[in-house]
Amino acid sequence: MAVEEPVVQTAGLTKSYDGLDVVRSLDLSVPRHSIFGFLGPNGAGKTTTMKMLLGLIRPTAGTGAVFGLDIERSSSQIRARVGYLPQDPRFYEHMTARETLRFAASFFFTGPKAAIEDRIASMLDLVGLTDAADRAIKGFSGGERQRLGIAQAQIHEPELLILDEPAASLDPLGRRDVLAILEGFRATSTVFYSTHLLDDVQRVSDTVCILNKGGIAAQGPISEILSAGSGTAFLVDVVGDVDRARLALLAESWVETVTISDVDGSATLHVVVSDAQAAESRMQRVLLADESLVVKGFRRQTASLEDVFVSLVEGTRGDG
């Protein structure tokens, strides 16, 4: 059985400005019908990479292909099959959501008017804007604008959606709604979206790439990324000199990072370890060697994407 060609594939893709690499030697591979989370801190090079894939800016070095088409020589053919949501979508404020989608659809469809209107209505329903369909956009909330942007990107049923920070400016309910919409596109499209919101990636993505300072820190199925990271973390509730406790733990070879959170006067150590067995047998002993320290709680926690992200991107033990 032949292996299906990735929707997006790059080799050594690089973009430099004034001799500085903003994007450095990216080798990306985005499977079809996946939700691909492009993760990294602000300024990591996510938006620059997306613009290169769309042919909006030219790479300094390396190659890239979308649908097997070269991103420099075939950018117009690529864009006809892609839906794009920029980080800060702009609209004609006097138009309604329905008029905006009708305008966007006119660039792609020349079929029967009734069929186009049905498509517009279904997209408004999909993104939860049916009740707001005939209101002027100037009165839209941030969440409504973001959902309209997604509908506009999806209006022509593209094979690939490229979404730049689709949920960054939204409250938790708005983010939940947007993520549910993205999950609904999995059957018909590939979703390539950038974000710095770790919880969002872990909730909906099946493949991720972690970008740091323009280069790839990790890439692959999210299950592999999590298992390749530290894998295990422990939460320890303590009373006493928590800074001394943190330093004592960091002196152990099996401890990778220790962060401290204070809630209502109680301190919790979040300890990421490389050897769960050693942690279970020795961590409490290390802490209780300090007679002034009281351990009130000790529990194991499966590593989250945040643990892996901190380990890969921050690159310092114990900072947080």
Protein backbone atom coordinates (compact mmCIF):
# COMPACT_ATOMS: atom_id res chain seq x y z
CA MET A 1 0.00 0.00 0.00
CA ALA A 2 1.44 3.35 -1.09
CA VAL A 3 2.13 5.94 1.57
CA GLU A 4 -0.03 9.03 1.04
CA GLU A 5 1.93 12.16 0.20
CA PRO A 6 1.88 14.83 2.92
CA VAL A 7 -0.21 17.93 2.24
CA VAL A 8 2.68 20.17 3.25
CA GLN A 9 6.33 19.19 2.97
CA THR A 10 9.42 21.39 3.26
CA ALA A 11 13.16 20.78 3.21
CA GLY A 12 15.57 23.27 4.73
CA LEU A 13 13.03 26.09 4.39
CA THR A 14 14.70 29.30 5.56
CA LYS A 15 13.84 33.01 5.66
CA SER A 16 16.41 35.63 6.61
CA TYR A 17 16.20 39.37 7.04
CA ASP A 18 19.42 41.38 7.13
CA GLY A 19 21.42 38.21 7.73
CA LEU A 20 19.23 37.07 10.64
CA ASP A 21 17.37 33.75 10.25
CA VAL A 22 13.73 34.32 11.22
CA VAL A 23 12.92 30.78 10.03
CA ARG A 24 15.80 28.31 10.01
CA SER A 25 16.02 25.13 7.96
CA LEU A 26 12.49 23.79 8.51
CA ASP A 27 11.71 20.21 7.49
CA LEU A 28 7.92 20.05 7.88
CA SER A 29 5.62 17.14 7.09
CA VAL A 30 1.85 17.62 7.50
CA PRO A 31 -0.29 14.47 7.03
CA ARG A 32 -3.59 14.64 5.15
CA HIS A 33 -6.78 15.01 7.22
CA SER A 34 -4.80 15.88 10.31
CA ILE A 35 -5.11 18.82 12.67
CA PHE A 36 -1.54 20.08 12.73
CA GLY A 37 -0.67 22.37 15.62
CA PHE A 38 2.19 24.75 14.79
CA LEU A 39 3.30 25.69 18.26
CA GLY A 40 5.76 28.26 19.50
CA PRO A 41 6.20 31.45 21.51
CA ASN A 42 5.48 34.80 19.91
CA GLY A 43 8.24 35.65 17.45
CA ALA A 44 9.23 32.02 16.83
CA GLY A 45 8.63 32.29 13.07
CA LYS A 46 5.15 30.78 12.75
CA THR A 47 3.53 33.55 10.69
CA THR A 48 6.59 33.88 8.43
CA THR A 49 6.44 30.15 7.68
CA MET A 50 2.73 30.31 6.81
CA LYS A 51 3.30 33.22 4.45
CA MET A 52 6.06 31.30 2.68
CA LEU A 53 3.76 28.29 2.25
CA LEU A 54 1.15 30.58 0.68
CA GLY A 55 3.64 32.26 -1.63
CA LEU A 56 3.15 35.64 0.03
CA ILE A 57 6.88 35.92 0.78
CA ARG A 58 9.78 34.11 -0.85
CA PRO A 59 12.11 31.83 1.11
CA THR A 60 15.78 32.70 1.33
CA ALA A 61 16.79 29.04 1.04
CA GLY A 62 15.29 25.57 0.96
CA THR A 63 12.20 24.21 -0.75
CA GLY A 64 8.54 23.71 0.06
CA ALA A 65 5.57 21.97 -1.50
CA VAL A 66 1.82 22.08 -0.84
CA PHE A 67 -0.23 19.32 -2.56
CA GLY A 68 3.07 18.39 -4.23
CA LEU A 69 3.22 21.84 -5.89
CA ASP A 70 6.25 24.07 -5.46
CA ILE A 71 5.43 27.04 -3.20
CA GLU A 72 7.39 29.48 -5.39
CA ARG A 73 6.47 28.33 -8.90
CA SER A 74 2.85 27.28 -8.24
CA SER A 75 1.63 29.65 -5.55
CA SER A 76 -1.52 30.71 -7.42
CA GLN A 77 -2.63 27.07 -7.92
CA ILE A 78 -1.92 26.38 -4.25
CA ARG A 79 -3.93 29.37 -2.99
CA ALA A 80 -6.96 28.28 -5.03
CA ARG A 81 -7.08 25.11 -2.92
CA VAL A 82 -6.27 26.69 0.45
CA GLY A 83 -8.32 28.66 2.97
CA TYR A 84 -6.36 31.23 4.97
CA LEU A 85 -7.15 33.09 8.17
CA PRO A 86 -4.58 35.77 9.07
CA GLN A 87 -3.83 36.54 12.70
CA ASP A 88 -5.83 39.78 12.58
CA PRO A 89 -8.63 39.31 10.00
CA ARG A 90 -10.09 42.49 8.53
CA PHE A 91 -13.55 42.96 7.02
CA TYR A 92 -15.63 45.66 5.38
CA GLU A 93 -17.34 46.92 8.53
CA HIS A 94 -20.55 48.05 6.80
CA MET A 95 -21.21 44.59 5.34
CA THR A 96 -23.08 41.82 7.09
CA ALA A 97 -21.68 38.34 7.71
CA ARG A 98 -23.88 36.95 4.94
CA GLU A 99 -22.73 39.63 2.48
CA THR A 100 -19.10 38.98 3.42
CA LEU A 101 -19.38 35.26 2.70
CA ARG A 102 -21.29 35.97 -0.51
CA PHE A 103 -18.46 38.27 -1.61
CA ALA A 104 -15.82 35.65 -0.74
CA ALA A 105 -17.77 32.90 -2.52
CA SER A 106 -17.92 34.97 -5.72
CA PHE A 107 -14.18 34.42 -6.21
CA PHE A 108 -14.63 30.64 -6.33
CA PHE A 109 -18.19 29.73 -7.41
CA THR A 110 -20.10 30.53 -10.60
CA GLY A 111 -22.84 27.96 -10.14
CA PRO A 112 -26.56 28.39 -9.39
CA LYS A 113 -27.27 31.25 -7.00
CA ALA A 114 -29.46 29.05 -4.79
CA ALA A 115 -26.65 26.54 -4.29
CA ILE A 116 -24.24 29.31 -3.32
CA GLU A 117 -26.75 30.73 -0.84
CA ASP A 118 -27.21 27.25 0.64
CA ARG A 119 -23.44 26.99 1.05
CA ILE A 120 -23.34 30.37 2.79
CA ALA A 121 -26.17 29.41 5.11
CA SER A 122 -24.51 26.12 6.03
CA MET A 123 -21.22 27.89 6.84
CA LEU A 124 -23.00 30.47 9.01
CA ASP A 125 -24.68 27.63 10.85
CA LEU A 126 -21.43 25.70 11.22
CA VAL A 127 -19.66 28.62 12.92
CA GLY A 128 -22.69 29.63 14.99
CA LEU A 129 -23.46 32.91 13.25
CA THR A 130 -26.92 32.20 11.85
CA ASP A 131 -28.61 34.61 14.27
CA ALA A 132 -26.01 37.31 13.51
CA ALA A 133 -25.92 36.71 9.75
CA ASP A 134 -27.60 39.97 8.76
CA ARG A 135 -26.00 42.30 11.30
CA ALA A 136 -23.27 44.76 10.25
CA ILE A 137 -19.81 43.44 11.13
CA LYS A 138 -18.93 46.70 12.89
CA GLY A 139 -21.05 45.50 15.81
CA PHE A 140 -19.42 42.05 16.02
CA SER A 141 -17.52 40.86 19.08
CA GLY A 142 -13.99 39.48 18.80
CA GLY A 143 -15.29 35.92 18.91
CA GLU A 144 -17.86 36.58 16.19
CA ARG A 145 -15.21 38.13 13.96
CA GLN A 146 -12.93 35.15 14.45
CA ARG A 147 -15.70 32.69 13.61
CA LEU A 148 -16.61 34.73 10.53
CA GLY A 149 -12.96 34.61 9.47
CA ILE A 150 -12.97 30.83 9.73
CA ALA A 151 -16.20 30.64 7.70
CA GLN A 152 -14.67 32.89 5.04
CA ALA A 153 -11.55 30.71 4.87
CA GLN A 154 -13.71 27.55 4.53
CA ILE A 155 -16.37 28.92 2.15
CA HIS A 156 -14.88 27.23 -0.95
CA GLU A 157 -14.34 23.87 0.79
CA PRO A 158 -10.53 24.00 0.60
CA GLU A 159 -8.37 20.92 0.95
CA LEU A 160 -6.11 22.77 3.40
CA LEU A 161 -6.93 25.40 6.01
CA ILE A 162 -4.05 27.59 7.22
CA LEU A 163 -5.12 29.48 10.33
CA ASP A 164 -2.82 31.92 12.13
CA GLU A 165 -3.64 32.05 15.87
CA PRO A 166 -7.39 31.39 15.36
CA ALA A 167 -8.23 31.45 19.10
CA ALA A 168 -5.57 33.74 20.57
CA SER A 169 -7.80 36.74 21.36
CA LEU A 170 -10.82 34.79 22.62
CA ASP A 171 -12.12 34.01 26.08
CA PRO A 172 -12.29 30.33 27.20
CA LEU A 173 -15.82 29.83 25.81
CA GLY A 174 -14.89 31.40 22.49
CA ARG A 175 -11.77 29.24 22.26
CA ARG A 176 -13.82 26.13 23.00
CA ASP A 177 -16.24 27.00 20.19
CA VAL A 178 -13.44 27.63 17.68
CA LEU A 179 -11.68 24.38 18.55
CA ALA A 180 -14.93 22.45 18.10
CA ILE A 181 -15.29 24.03 14.65
CA LEU A 182 -11.76 22.98 13.70
CA GLU A 183 -12.45 19.40 14.77
CA GLY A 184 -15.45 19.38 12.45
CA PHE A 185 -13.18 20.11 9.46
CA ARG A 186 -11.03 17.02 9.98
CA ALA A 187 -13.11 14.77 7.71
CA THR A 188 -12.90 17.01 4.65
CA SER A 189 -9.79 19.16 5.12
CA THR A 190 -6.35 19.29 6.63
CA VAL A 191 -6.04 21.99 9.30
CA PHE A 192 -2.68 23.69 9.80
CA TYR A 193 -2.97 26.22 12.59
CA SER A 194 -0.49 28.19 14.63
CA THR A 195 -0.86 28.98 18.31
CA HIS A 196 1.02 29.67 21.51
CA LEU A 197 -1.88 28.28 23.61
CA LEU A 198 -0.69 24.88 24.80
CA ASP A 199 -4.03 23.61 26.10
CA ASP A 200 -5.64 24.16 22.70
CA VAL A 201 -3.01 22.08 20.94
CA GLN A 202 -3.36 19.17 23.33
CA ARG A 203 -7.16 19.22 23.05
CA VAL A 204 -7.57 19.01 19.26
CA SER A 205 -4.27 18.34 17.47
CA ASP A 206 -3.09 14.91 16.42
CA THR A 207 0.21 16.14 14.98
CA VAL A 208 2.34 19.02 16.25
CA CYS A 209 5.50 20.94 15.51
CA ILE A 210 7.17 22.97 18.25
CA LEU A 211 9.09 25.91 16.83
CA ASN A 212 11.73 27.77 18.82
CA LYS A 213 13.77 30.73 17.59
CA GLY A 214 12.98 29.88 13.99
CA GLY A 215 13.96 26.19 14.18
CA ILE A 216 12.12 22.96 14.92
CA ALA A 217 12.46 21.76 18.51
CA ALA A 218 10.16 18.74 18.05
CA GLN A 219 7.72 17.38 15.47
CA GLY A 220 5.41 14.37 15.19
CA PRO A 221 2.16 12.82 16.47
CA ILE A 222 1.26 14.42 19.77
CA SER A 223 1.37 11.06 21.55
CA GLU A 224 5.01 10.64 20.46
CA ILE A 225 5.89 14.19 21.47
CA LEU A 226 4.51 13.59 24.95
CA SER A 227 6.19 10.23 25.37
CA ALA A 228 9.50 11.57 24.03
CA GLY A 229 9.45 14.35 26.57
CA SER A 230 9.98 13.94 30.25
CA GLY A 231 6.90 11.71 30.38
CA THR A 232 6.12 12.08 34.07
CA ALA A 233 5.57 14.88 36.54
CA PHE A 234 4.78 14.97 40.24
CA LEU A 235 2.87 17.54 42.27
CA VAL A 236 4.11 18.01 45.83
CA ASP A 237 2.27 20.24 48.33
CA VAL A 238 4.70 21.61 50.89
CA VAL A 239 4.94 24.02 53.81
CA GLY A 240 8.30 25.57 54.72
CA ASP A 241 11.27 26.87 52.76
CA VAL A 242 10.11 25.96 49.24
CA ASP A 243 13.13 27.55 47.52
CA ARG A 244 15.46 25.28 49.50
CA ALA A 245 13.25 22.30 48.65
CA ARG A 246 13.42 23.20 44.98
CA LEU A 247 17.20 23.39 45.02
CA ALA A 248 17.46 20.05 46.83
CA LEU A 249 15.37 18.38 44.15
CA LEU A 250 17.29 19.99 41.28
CA ALA A 251 20.46 18.44 42.69
CA GLU A 252 19.06 14.99 41.85
CA SER A 253 20.03 13.60 38.44
CA TRP A 254 16.51 12.29 37.74
CA VAL A 255 14.86 15.72 38.20
CA GLU A 256 14.52 17.84 35.04
CA THR A 257 12.56 20.92 36.12
CA VAL A 258 10.94 22.23 39.29
CA THR A 259 8.44 25.08 39.23
CA ILE A 260 6.64 26.59 42.20
CA SER A 261 3.04 27.79 42.35
CA ASP A 262 1.52 29.53 45.36
CA VAL A 263 -2.23 29.37 45.92
CA ASP A 264 -3.84 30.84 49.06
CA GLY A 265 -0.62 30.57 51.06
CA SER A 266 0.03 26.96 50.10
CA ALA A 267 2.95 26.05 47.83
CA THR A 268 2.96 23.29 45.23
CA LEU A 269 6.10 22.02 43.55
CA HIS A 270 5.62 20.83 39.97
CA VAL A 271 8.47 18.38 39.44
CA VAL A 272 9.20 16.97 35.98
CA VAL A 273 11.36 13.85 36.13
CA SER A 274 13.21 11.57 33.74
CA ASP A 275 12.94 8.47 35.96
CA ALA A 276 9.52 7.91 37.51
CA GLN A 277 10.65 4.94 39.58
CA ALA A 278 13.46 6.92 41.18
CA ALA A 279 11.09 9.79 41.86
CA GLU A 280 8.51 7.58 43.55
CA SER A 281 11.07 5.92 45.81
CA ARG A 282 13.33 8.88 46.61
CA MET A 283 11.57 12.22 46.17
CA GLN A 284 9.82 12.29 49.53
CA ARG A 285 13.05 11.20 51.26
CA VAL A 286 14.94 14.10 49.69
CA LEU A 287 12.32 16.58 50.84
CA LEU A 288 11.89 15.13 54.35
CA ALA A 289 15.63 15.29 54.93
CA ASP A 290 14.92 18.96 55.64
CA GLU A 291 13.24 18.78 59.04
CA SER A 292 11.71 22.22 58.64
CA LEU A 293 9.76 21.12 55.56
CA VAL A 294 6.30 19.51 55.80
CA VAL A 295 5.03 17.47 52.84
CA LYS A 296 1.24 17.68 52.80
CA GLY A 297 0.58 15.99 49.47
CA PHE A 298 2.42 13.93 46.87
CA ARG A 299 0.87 12.73 43.63
CA ARG A 300 1.94 11.67 40.18
CA GLN A 301 0.77 13.56 37.10
CA THR A 302 1.04 12.52 33.47
CA ALA A 303 3.24 14.97 31.60
CA SER A 304 1.40 17.63 29.65
CA LEU A 305 2.43 19.41 26.50
CA GLU A 306 3.37 22.33 28.73
CA ASP A 307 6.02 20.18 30.43
CA VAL A 308 7.51 19.20 27.08
CA PHE A 309 7.27 22.77 25.78
CA VAL A 310 9.07 24.23 28.78
CA SER A 311 11.78 21.58 28.53
CA LEU A 312 12.34 22.20 24.82
CA VAL A 313 11.80 25.93 24.52
CA GLU A 314 12.85 27.42 27.82
CA GLY A 315 15.88 25.14 28.03
CA THR A 316 16.56 25.95 31.69
CA ARG A 317 16.02 23.78 34.71
CA GLY A 318 13.69 25.16 37.31
CA ASP A 319 12.82 28.46 35.62
CA GLY A 320 9.16 29.17 35.51
